[in-house]
Amino acid sequence: MDQEHVQLEFEAGRLVEAVIEPVPGGNGWMLMFREAAGEMVRLTDHGGTEKVFHSLDHATKVANDIGFETIRVEEEF
């Protein structure tokens, strides 16, 4: 889901959580959102390709810009 659609879904109350996780292989971060029904959707570009952020700060800023005040960061050890 691209950022424009994520913004609309957030404003409609259909997204309840923002989650940042490492990209498999460890070369960046992906931003995901939990829908009210429990499903997870990933942030993509307009072409449908998953967005990869090279810094945790940038991914956090995008989630904040969408409207999320709290963002959960998940990292496996």
C-alpha atoms as a PDB file:
ATOM      1  CA  MET A   1       0.000   0.000   0.000  1.00  0.00           C
ATOM      2  CA  ASP A   2       1.534   3.315  -1.021  1.00  0.00           C
ATOM      3  CA  GLN A   3       1.850   6.250   1.372  1.00  0.00           C
ATOM      4  CA  GLU A   4      -1.167   8.101  -0.024  1.00  0.00           C
ATOM      5  CA  HIS A   5      -3.423   5.086   0.571  1.00  0.00           C
ATOM      6  CA  VAL A   6      -1.905   4.459   4.000  1.00  0.00           C
ATOM      7  CA  GLN A   7      -2.691   8.071   4.926  1.00  0.00           C
ATOM      8  CA  LEU A   8      -6.322   7.664   3.823  1.00  0.00           C
ATOM      9  CA  GLU A   9      -6.685   4.360   5.697  1.00  0.00           C
ATOM     10  CA  PHE A  10      -5.183   5.906   8.843  1.00  0.00           C
ATOM     11  CA  GLU A  11      -7.514   8.900   8.672  1.00  0.00           C
ATOM     12  CA  ALA A  12     -10.471   6.541   8.240  1.00  0.00           C
ATOM     13  CA  GLY A  13      -9.416   4.673  11.396  1.00  0.00           C
ATOM     14  CA  ARG A  14      -8.648   1.407   9.614  1.00  0.00           C
ATOM     15  CA  LEU A  15      -4.975   1.288  10.618  1.00  0.00           C
ATOM     16  CA  VAL A  16      -4.239   0.838  14.292  1.00  0.00           C
ATOM     17  CA  GLU A  17      -0.483   0.372  14.585  1.00  0.00           C
ATOM     18  CA  ALA A  18       2.778   1.197  12.800  1.00  0.00           C
ATOM     19  CA  VAL A  19       5.598  -1.340  12.999  1.00  0.00           C
ATOM     20  CA  ILE A  20       9.172  -1.042  11.749  1.00  0.00           C
ATOM     21  CA  GLU A  21      11.072  -4.271  11.085  1.00  0.00           C
ATOM     22  CA  PRO A  22      14.461  -5.047   9.583  1.00  0.00           C
ATOM     23  CA  VAL A  23      14.403  -6.101   5.941  1.00  0.00           C
ATOM     24  CA  PRO A  24      15.255  -9.804   5.621  1.00  0.00           C
ATOM     25  CA  GLY A  25      18.967  -9.901   4.917  1.00  0.00           C
ATOM     26  CA  GLY A  26      19.573  -6.858   7.115  1.00  0.00           C
ATOM     27  CA  ASN A  27      19.963  -4.097   4.532  1.00  0.00           C
ATOM     28  CA  GLY A  28      17.443  -1.575   5.830  1.00  0.00           C
ATOM     29  CA  TRP A  29      14.045  -1.220   7.462  1.00  0.00           C
ATOM     30  CA  MET A  30      10.488  -1.791   6.252  1.00  0.00           C
ATOM     31  CA  LEU A  31       7.424   0.011   7.531  1.00  0.00           C
ATOM     32  CA  MET A  32       4.286  -2.021   8.118  1.00  0.00           C
ATOM     33  CA  PHE A  33       0.836  -1.236   9.430  1.00  0.00           C
ATOM     34  CA  ARG A  34      -1.680  -3.342  11.331  1.00  0.00           C
ATOM     35  CA  GLU A  35      -5.227  -3.065  10.063  1.00  0.00           C
ATOM     36  CA  ALA A  36      -8.108  -3.041  12.551  1.00  0.00           C
ATOM     37  CA  ALA A  37      -8.923  -6.610  11.418  1.00  0.00           C
ATOM     38  CA  GLY A  38      -5.398  -7.714  12.416  1.00  0.00           C
ATOM     39  CA  GLU A  39      -3.779  -8.077   8.990  1.00  0.00           C
ATOM     40  CA  MET A  40      -0.393  -6.469   8.314  1.00  0.00           C
ATOM     41  CA  VAL A  41       0.254  -4.383   5.188  1.00  0.00           C
ATOM     42  CA  ARG A  42       3.611  -3.076   3.997  1.00  0.00           C
ATOM     43  CA  LEU A  43       4.379   0.392   2.762  1.00  0.00           C
ATOM     44  CA  THR A  44       5.154   0.350  -0.962  1.00  0.00           C
ATOM     45  CA  ASP A  45       5.929   2.878  -3.637  1.00  0.00           C
ATOM     46  CA  HIS A  46       3.330   3.776  -6.277  1.00  0.00           C
ATOM     47  CA  GLY A  47       4.467   0.828  -8.398  1.00  0.00           C
ATOM     48  CA  GLY A  48       3.878  -1.697  -5.615  1.00  0.00           C
ATOM     49  CA  THR A  49       7.522  -2.264  -4.686  1.00  0.00           C
ATOM     50  CA  GLU A  50       8.175  -2.508  -0.954  1.00  0.00           C
ATOM     51  CA  LYS A  51       9.808   0.660   0.409  1.00  0.00           C
ATOM     52  CA  VAL A  52      13.127   0.094   2.143  1.00  0.00           C
ATOM     53  CA  PHE A  53      14.478   2.744   4.497  1.00  0.00           C
ATOM     54  CA  HIS A  54      18.193   2.912   5.128  1.00  0.00           C
ATOM     55  CA  SER A  55      17.739   4.467   8.561  1.00  0.00           C
ATOM     56  CA  LEU A  56      15.406   3.816  11.437  1.00  0.00           C
ATOM     57  CA  ASP A  57      14.989   7.579  11.850  1.00  0.00           C
ATOM     58  CA  HIS A  58      13.668   7.992   8.289  1.00  0.00           C
ATOM     59  CA  ALA A  59      11.156   5.135   8.677  1.00  0.00           C
ATOM     60  CA  THR A  60      10.017   6.636  11.987  1.00  0.00           C
ATOM     61  CA  LYS A  61       9.583  10.083  10.431  1.00  0.00           C
ATOM     62  CA  VAL A  62       7.392   8.682   7.636  1.00  0.00           C
ATOM     63  CA  ALA A  63       5.176   6.887  10.188  1.00  0.00           C
ATOM     64  CA  ASN A  64       4.952  10.107  12.240  1.00  0.00           C
ATOM     65  CA  ASP A  65       4.098  12.120   9.121  1.00  0.00           C
ATOM     66  CA  ILE A  66       1.231   9.714   8.412  1.00  0.00           C
ATOM     67  CA  GLY A  67      -0.088  10.412  11.904  1.00  0.00           C
ATOM     68  CA  PHE A  68       1.195   7.643  14.150  1.00  0.00           C
ATOM     69  CA  GLU A  69       2.494   9.003  17.440  1.00  0.00           C
ATOM     70  CA  THR A  70       3.809   5.643  18.608  1.00  0.00           C
ATOM     71  CA  ILE A  71       5.747   3.251  16.394  1.00  0.00           C
ATOM     72  CA  ARG A  72       6.766  -0.228  17.461  1.00  0.00           C
ATOM     73  CA  VAL A  73      10.217  -1.400  16.378  1.00  0.00           C
ATOM     74  CA  GLU A  74      10.650  -5.171  16.145  1.00  0.00           C
ATOM     75  CA  GLU A  75      14.050  -6.750  15.837  1.00  0.00           C
ATOM     76  CA  GLU A  76      14.891 -10.401  16.308  1.00  0.00           C
ATOM     77  CA  PHE A  77      17.982 -11.340  18.274  1.00  0.00           C
END
